[in-house]
Amino acid sequence: MQKINKEELLLINGGGFGLGLALLIGAGIVFIIGVIDGFVRPLKCNT
């Protein structure tokens, strides 16, 4: 096993995904749930 120093450790990329991707996936799931809920349980506006 080879030991690496701090500079080499900071140059390593990979192993996960960013916060933006997680937020995008979450927003997509919430949008799809809202569309399905709108078709299954339509509510009329109270105006």
Protein backbone atom coordinates (compact mmCIF):
# COMPACT_ATOMS: atom_id res chain seq x y z
CA MET A 1 0.00 0.00 0.00
CA GLN A 2 1.27 3.43 -0.93
CA LYS A 3 0.81 6.48 1.29
CA ILE A 4 -0.12 9.73 -0.44
CA ASN A 5 0.40 13.25 0.80
CA LYS A 6 -2.23 15.95 1.27
CA GLU A 7 -1.72 17.53 -2.16
CA GLU A 8 -2.23 14.23 -3.95
CA LEU A 9 -5.27 13.51 -1.81
CA LEU A 10 -6.90 16.78 -2.86
CA LEU A 11 -6.42 15.91 -6.55
CA ILE A 12 -8.53 12.74 -6.35
CA ASN A 13 -11.96 13.13 -8.01
CA GLY A 14 -14.98 10.86 -8.08
CA GLY A 15 -17.04 8.72 -5.79
CA GLY A 16 -20.38 10.45 -5.49
CA PHE A 17 -22.62 13.05 -7.00
CA GLY A 18 -23.15 16.70 -6.29
CA LEU A 19 -25.81 18.46 -4.32
CA GLY A 20 -27.27 19.97 -7.49
CA LEU A 21 -27.94 16.56 -8.98
CA ALA A 22 -29.64 15.40 -5.78
CA LEU A 23 -31.86 18.50 -5.77
CA LEU A 24 -32.72 18.01 -9.43
CA ILE A 25 -33.73 14.39 -8.86
CA GLY A 26 -35.81 15.38 -5.81
CA ALA A 27 -37.57 18.17 -7.72
CA GLY A 28 -38.36 15.78 -10.57
CA ILE A 29 -39.87 13.24 -8.19
CA VAL A 30 -42.02 15.90 -6.48
CA PHE A 31 -43.20 17.20 -9.87
CA ILE A 32 -44.19 13.72 -11.08
CA ILE A 33 -46.07 13.04 -7.83
CA GLY A 34 -47.94 16.35 -8.25
CA VAL A 35 -48.94 15.54 -11.83
CA ILE A 36 -50.18 12.07 -10.85
CA ASP A 37 -52.10 13.55 -7.89
CA GLY A 38 -53.72 16.11 -10.20
CA PHE A 39 -55.03 13.40 -12.52
CA VAL A 40 -56.16 11.03 -9.79
CA ARG A 41 -57.73 13.61 -7.46
CA PRO A 42 -58.72 16.75 -9.38
CA LEU A 43 -59.87 19.62 -7.17
CA LYS A 44 -61.72 22.65 -8.50
CA CYS A 45 -60.68 26.18 -7.64
CA ASN A 46 -62.64 28.07 -4.98
CA THR A 47 -63.00 31.46 -6.70
